[in-house]
């Protein structure tokens, strides 16, 4: 899967296998094996070199284009959190607040089963 995604991104950028291999300092045969999923477990170091040349993030190797577009706002949001320096403890507070909002919303909306209940 990673190999096919690398190939897809490479072709989308109009790069040849040789060009990507050379620029990423990876042997052409090794890159070819990755793209054909013969090397199913390339190292993070190799993937980082390839992603750098392709101008992508590592997560793009494991997500489809649709998933990336769908989750782009979440990626940007998490990046903002990381940059802002919000602590893990603060994130726990945020999670608690979200749970409270969900609880309050559910409380305001009558449960359709309870609402249609016939009294004896």
C-alpha atoms as a PDB file:
ATOM      1  CA  UNK A   1       0.000   0.000   0.000  1.00  0.00           C
ATOM      2  CA  UNK A   2       2.777   2.466   0.895  1.00  0.00           C
ATOM      3  CA  UNK A   3       4.594   1.648  -2.324  1.00  0.00           C
ATOM      4  CA  UNK A   4       1.564   2.259  -4.511  1.00  0.00           C
ATOM      5  CA  UNK A   5       0.943   5.553  -2.733  1.00  0.00           C
ATOM      6  CA  UNK A   6       4.567   6.657  -3.245  1.00  0.00           C
ATOM      7  CA  UNK A   7       4.290   5.782  -6.924  1.00  0.00           C
ATOM      8  CA  UNK A   8       1.005   7.686  -7.195  1.00  0.00           C
ATOM      9  CA  UNK A   9       2.514  10.795  -5.587  1.00  0.00           C
ATOM     10  CA  UNK A  10       5.664  10.536  -7.708  1.00  0.00           C
ATOM     11  CA  UNK A  11       3.686  10.303 -10.934  1.00  0.00           C
ATOM     12  CA  UNK A  12       1.380  13.122  -9.837  1.00  0.00           C
ATOM     13  CA  UNK A  13       4.480  15.317  -9.569  1.00  0.00           C
ATOM     14  CA  UNK A  14       5.756  14.195 -12.972  1.00  0.00           C
ATOM     15  CA  UNK A  15       8.877  12.552 -11.579  1.00  0.00           C
ATOM     16  CA  UNK A  16      10.578   9.483 -12.961  1.00  0.00           C
ATOM     17  CA  UNK A  17      11.663   6.629 -10.737  1.00  0.00           C
ATOM     18  CA  UNK A  18      15.297   7.493 -11.468  1.00  0.00           C
ATOM     19  CA  UNK A  19      14.797  11.163 -10.594  1.00  0.00           C
ATOM     20  CA  UNK A  20      13.137  10.398  -7.258  1.00  0.00           C
ATOM     21  CA  UNK A  21      15.725   7.759  -6.370  1.00  0.00           C
ATOM     22  CA  UNK A  22      18.613  10.103  -7.163  1.00  0.00           C
ATOM     23  CA  UNK A  23      17.168  13.084  -5.312  1.00  0.00           C
ATOM     24  CA  UNK A  24      16.238  10.959  -2.275  1.00  0.00           C
ATOM     25  CA  UNK A  25      19.645   9.203  -2.248  1.00  0.00           C
ATOM     26  CA  UNK A  26      17.984   5.796  -2.500  1.00  0.00           C
ATOM     27  CA  UNK A  27      18.934   3.166  -5.042  1.00  0.00           C
ATOM     28  CA  UNK A  28      16.616   2.951  -8.022  1.00  0.00           C
ATOM     29  CA  UNK A  29      16.131  -0.804  -7.572  1.00  0.00           C
ATOM     30  CA  UNK A  30      15.253  -0.365  -3.894  1.00  0.00           C
ATOM     31  CA  UNK A  31      12.729   2.371  -4.715  1.00  0.00           C
ATOM     32  CA  UNK A  32      11.268   0.201  -7.466  1.00  0.00           C
ATOM     33  CA  UNK A  33      10.883  -2.663  -4.982  1.00  0.00           C
ATOM     34  CA  UNK A  34       9.134  -0.319  -2.538  1.00  0.00           C
ATOM     35  CA  UNK A  35       6.745   0.941  -5.216  1.00  0.00           C
ATOM     36  CA  UNK A  36       5.902  -2.614  -6.290  1.00  0.00           C
ATOM     37  CA  UNK A  37       5.351  -3.534  -2.628  1.00  0.00           C
ATOM     38  CA  UNK A  38       8.171  -6.071  -2.729  1.00  0.00           C
ATOM     39  CA  UNK A  39       9.808  -4.165   0.130  1.00  0.00           C
ATOM     40  CA  UNK A  40       6.844  -3.824   2.448  1.00  0.00           C
ATOM     41  CA  UNK A  41       8.658  -2.313   5.393  1.00  0.00           C
ATOM     42  CA  UNK A  42      10.951   0.552   4.350  1.00  0.00           C
ATOM     43  CA  UNK A  43      12.621   2.421   7.197  1.00  0.00           C
ATOM     44  CA  UNK A  44      11.376   5.771   8.451  1.00  0.00           C
ATOM     45  CA  UNK A  45      14.677   7.259   7.303  1.00  0.00           C
ATOM     46  CA  UNK A  46      14.074   6.156   3.701  1.00  0.00           C
ATOM     47  CA  UNK A  47      10.432   7.240   3.796  1.00  0.00           C
ATOM     48  CA  UNK A  48      11.480  10.624   5.212  1.00  0.00           C
ATOM     49  CA  UNK A  49      13.941  11.140   2.354  1.00  0.00           C
ATOM     50  CA  UNK A  50      11.280  10.224  -0.207  1.00  0.00           C
ATOM     51  CA  UNK A  51       8.608  12.416   1.401  1.00  0.00           C
ATOM     52  CA  UNK A  52      11.027  15.333   1.524  1.00  0.00           C
ATOM     53  CA  UNK A  53      11.733  15.086  -2.203  1.00  0.00           C
ATOM     54  CA  UNK A  54       8.033  14.663  -2.997  1.00  0.00           C
ATOM     55  CA  UNK A  55       7.151  17.603  -0.756  1.00  0.00           C
ATOM     56  CA  UNK A  56       4.720  15.536   1.290  1.00  0.00           C
ATOM     57  CA  UNK A  57       4.165  14.479   4.869  1.00  0.00           C
ATOM     58  CA  UNK A  58       4.786  10.876   5.923  1.00  0.00           C
ATOM     59  CA  UNK A  59       1.096  10.322   6.686  1.00  0.00           C
ATOM     60  CA  UNK A  60       0.317  10.839   3.002  1.00  0.00           C
ATOM     61  CA  UNK A  61       1.959   7.490   2.258  1.00  0.00           C
ATOM     62  CA  UNK A  62      -0.663   5.611   4.247  1.00  0.00           C
ATOM     63  CA  UNK A  63      -3.782   7.667   3.530  1.00  0.00           C
ATOM     64  CA  UNK A  64      -5.672   7.904   0.266  1.00  0.00           C
ATOM     65  CA  UNK A  65      -6.211  11.262  -1.415  1.00  0.00           C
ATOM     66  CA  UNK A  66      -9.844  11.235  -0.242  1.00  0.00           C
ATOM     67  CA  UNK A  67      -8.832  10.556   3.363  1.00  0.00           C
ATOM     68  CA  UNK A  68      -6.258  13.337   3.258  1.00  0.00           C
ATOM     69  CA  UNK A  69      -8.776  15.859   1.940  1.00  0.00           C
ATOM     70  CA  UNK A  70     -11.395  14.679   4.432  1.00  0.00           C
ATOM     71  CA  UNK A  71      -9.007  14.858   7.374  1.00  0.00           C
ATOM     72  CA  UNK A  72      -7.049  17.933   6.302  1.00  0.00           C
ATOM     73  CA  UNK A  73      -8.897  20.182   8.731  1.00  0.00           C
ATOM     74  CA  UNK A  74      -8.113  17.785  11.576  1.00  0.00           C
ATOM     75  CA  UNK A  75      -4.442  17.656  10.601  1.00  0.00           C
ATOM     76  CA  UNK A  76      -4.320  21.452  10.527  1.00  0.00           C
ATOM     77  CA  UNK A  77      -6.109  21.626  13.878  1.00  0.00           C
ATOM     78  CA  UNK A  78      -3.704  19.191  15.524  1.00  0.00           C
ATOM     79  CA  UNK A  79      -0.760  21.074  14.039  1.00  0.00           C
ATOM     80  CA  UNK A  80      -2.106  24.321  15.527  1.00  0.00           C
ATOM     81  CA  UNK A  81      -2.389  22.610  18.907  1.00  0.00           C
ATOM     82  CA  UNK A  82       1.192  21.376  18.627  1.00  0.00           C
ATOM     83  CA  UNK A  83       2.503  24.800  17.617  1.00  0.00           C
ATOM     84  CA  UNK A  84       0.539  26.600  20.340  1.00  0.00           C
ATOM     85  CA  UNK A  85       2.198  24.517  23.028  1.00  0.00           C
ATOM     86  CA  UNK A  86      -1.019  23.277  24.627  1.00  0.00           C
ATOM     87  CA  UNK A  87      -0.117  20.667  27.212  1.00  0.00           C
ATOM     88  CA  UNK A  88      -1.537  17.153  27.434  1.00  0.00           C
ATOM     89  CA  UNK A  89      -3.276  18.181  30.629  1.00  0.00           C
ATOM     90  CA  UNK A  90      -5.027  21.000  28.783  1.00  0.00           C
ATOM     91  CA  UNK A  91      -6.100  18.552  26.100  1.00  0.00           C
ATOM     92  CA  UNK A  92      -7.705  16.422  28.812  1.00  0.00           C
ATOM     93  CA  UNK A  93      -9.630  19.509  29.954  1.00  0.00           C
ATOM     94  CA  UNK A  94     -10.750  20.109  26.375  1.00  0.00           C
ATOM     95  CA  UNK A  95     -11.905  16.487  26.078  1.00  0.00           C
ATOM     96  CA  UNK A  96     -13.893  16.866  29.300  1.00  0.00           C
ATOM     97  CA  UNK A  97     -15.502  20.025  27.951  1.00  0.00           C
ATOM     98  CA  UNK A  98     -16.457  18.270  24.706  1.00  0.00           C
ATOM     99  CA  UNK A  99     -18.043  15.456  26.708  1.00  0.00           C
ATOM    100  CA  UNK A 100     -20.002  18.051  28.681  1.00  0.00           C
ATOM    101  CA  UNK A 101     -21.250  19.684  25.473  1.00  0.00           C
ATOM    102  CA  UNK A 102     -22.338  16.291  24.121  1.00  0.00           C
ATOM    103  CA  UNK A 103     -24.145  15.511  27.392  1.00  0.00           C
ATOM    104  CA  UNK A 104     -25.874  18.913  27.419  1.00  0.00           C
ATOM    105  CA  UNK A 105     -26.932  18.548  23.780  1.00  0.00           C
ATOM    106  CA  UNK A 106     -28.379  15.086  24.395  1.00  0.00           C
ATOM    107  CA  UNK A 107     -30.216  16.349  27.469  1.00  0.00           C
ATOM    108  CA  UNK A 108     -31.866  19.147  25.463  1.00  0.00           C
ATOM    109  CA  UNK A 109     -33.080  16.741  22.762  1.00  0.00           C
ATOM    110  CA  UNK A 110     -35.737  14.326  23.985  1.00  0.00           C
ATOM    111  CA  UNK A 111     -34.943  10.720  23.219  1.00  0.00           C
ATOM    112  CA  UNK A 112     -37.296   9.640  20.452  1.00  0.00           C
ATOM    113  CA  UNK A 113     -38.013   6.323  22.210  1.00  0.00           C
ATOM    114  CA  UNK A 114     -38.873   8.000  25.497  1.00  0.00           C
ATOM    115  CA  UNK A 115     -40.882  10.683  23.744  1.00  0.00           C
ATOM    116  CA  UNK A 116     -43.099   8.127  22.014  1.00  0.00           C
ATOM    117  CA  UNK A 117     -43.595   6.044  25.114  1.00  0.00           C
ATOM    118  CA  UNK A 118     -47.242   5.336  25.892  1.00  0.00           C
ATOM    119  CA  UNK A 119     -48.156   5.809  29.504  1.00  0.00           C
ATOM    120  CA  UNK A 120     -50.213   3.046  31.214  1.00  0.00           C
END
